[in-house]
Protein backbone atom coordinates (compact mmCIF):
# COMPACT_ATOMS: atom_id res chain seq x y z
CA MET A 1 16.52 -100.53 86.01
CA ILE A 2 14.66 -103.53 84.75
CA ALA A 3 16.08 -105.50 81.81
CA HIS A 4 14.08 -107.20 78.96
CA GLN A 5 15.01 -109.16 75.83
CA LEU A 6 13.91 -107.39 72.79
CA GLN A 7 11.26 -109.93 71.79
CA THR A 8 9.77 -109.79 75.28
CA ALA A 9 9.81 -106.07 75.25
CA LYS A 10 7.92 -105.93 71.91
CA GLN A 11 5.28 -108.53 73.19
CA ARG A 12 4.88 -106.51 76.50
CA PHE A 13 5.48 -102.96 75.14
CA SER A 14 2.57 -101.38 76.94
CA ALA A 15 3.58 -102.81 80.43
CA VAL A 16 7.14 -101.74 79.73
CA ALA A 17 6.25 -98.22 78.73
CA GLU A 18 4.05 -97.93 81.73
CA SER A 19 6.87 -98.92 84.03
CA ALA A 20 9.09 -96.24 82.27
CA ALA A 21 6.46 -93.80 82.61
CA LYS A 22 6.37 -94.38 86.53
CA GLY A 23 10.04 -93.60 86.63
CA VAL A 24 11.75 -96.99 86.32
CA PRO A 25 14.13 -97.03 83.34
CA GLN A 26 13.63 -100.27 81.19
CA LEU A 27 16.73 -101.66 79.51
CA VAL A 28 16.14 -103.66 76.28
CA THR A 29 18.77 -106.07 75.26
CA LYS A 30 19.46 -107.68 71.85
CA HIS A 31 21.47 -110.88 71.61
CA GLY A 32 22.46 -110.42 75.28
CA HIS A 33 23.84 -107.01 74.85
CA PRO A 34 22.33 -103.54 76.01
CA PHE A 35 20.34 -102.25 72.91
CA VAL A 36 18.21 -99.24 74.10
CA VAL A 37 16.84 -97.74 77.41
CA ILE A 38 13.26 -96.65 77.62
CA VAL A 39 12.68 -93.61 80.11
CA SER A 40 9.74 -91.50 80.83
CA ALA A 41 9.33 -88.32 78.67
CA THR A 42 9.81 -86.27 81.83
CA GLU A 43 13.24 -87.92 82.49
CA TRP A 44 14.29 -87.41 78.94
CA GLN A 45 13.30 -83.72 79.12
CA LYS A 46 15.33 -83.14 82.30
CA THR A 47 18.42 -84.49 80.70
CA HIS A 48 18.05 -83.61 76.94
CA GLY A 49 15.28 -81.02 76.72
CA LEU A 50 15.70 -77.37 75.84
CA GLN A 51 16.69 -75.47 78.91
CA GLY A 52 15.54 -71.85 79.22
CA SER A 53 14.38 -69.51 76.51
CA ILE A 54 15.87 -69.03 73.02
CA MET A 55 17.66 -65.96 74.27
CA ASP A 56 19.30 -68.20 77.03
CA VAL A 57 20.45 -70.56 74.24
CA LEU A 58 21.80 -67.84 72.04
CA LYS A 59 23.76 -66.36 74.97
CA ALA A 60 25.25 -69.69 75.78
CA CYS A 61 26.53 -70.04 72.24
CA PRO A 62 30.38 -70.33 72.24
CA GLU A 63 30.73 -68.16 69.06
CA ASP A 64 30.51 -64.36 69.09
CA LEU A 65 27.15 -63.67 67.63
CA ASN A 66 27.93 -59.79 67.51
CA ASP A 67 29.87 -60.43 64.24
CA LEU A 68 27.03 -62.43 62.76
CA ARG A 69 25.79 -60.51 59.58
CA ILE A 70 22.03 -60.98 59.03
CA SER A 71 20.29 -59.13 56.31
CA ARG A 72 16.81 -59.41 54.70
CA ASN A 73 16.12 -59.78 51.07
CA LYS A 74 14.62 -56.50 49.92
CA ASP A 75 13.49 -57.84 46.46
CA LEU A 76 9.73 -57.21 45.76
CA PRO A 77 7.69 -60.36 45.49
CA ARG A 78 7.29 -61.74 42.12
CA GLN A 79 3.95 -61.21 40.20
CA LEU A 80 1.72 -64.10 39.78
CA SER A 81 -1.34 -64.31 37.56
CA LEU A 82 -4.17 -66.49 39.06
């Protein structure tokens, strides 16, 4: 991981982003303390992206979805005059 001060990272953002895109995380510091880390989109998706299908996500839900009551509104659409 490479560290940059915030001001330097702003001035060299394109180069910092290119390095992150190549797989080298970039640590940005503010007032000498870690502020943000810039990583590639691929790396972000591996750790934070949606994994699997919507059905996989629903199946992994800790709540019992069998008791979920879902109904549709059966009212007719309102009349509009154009």
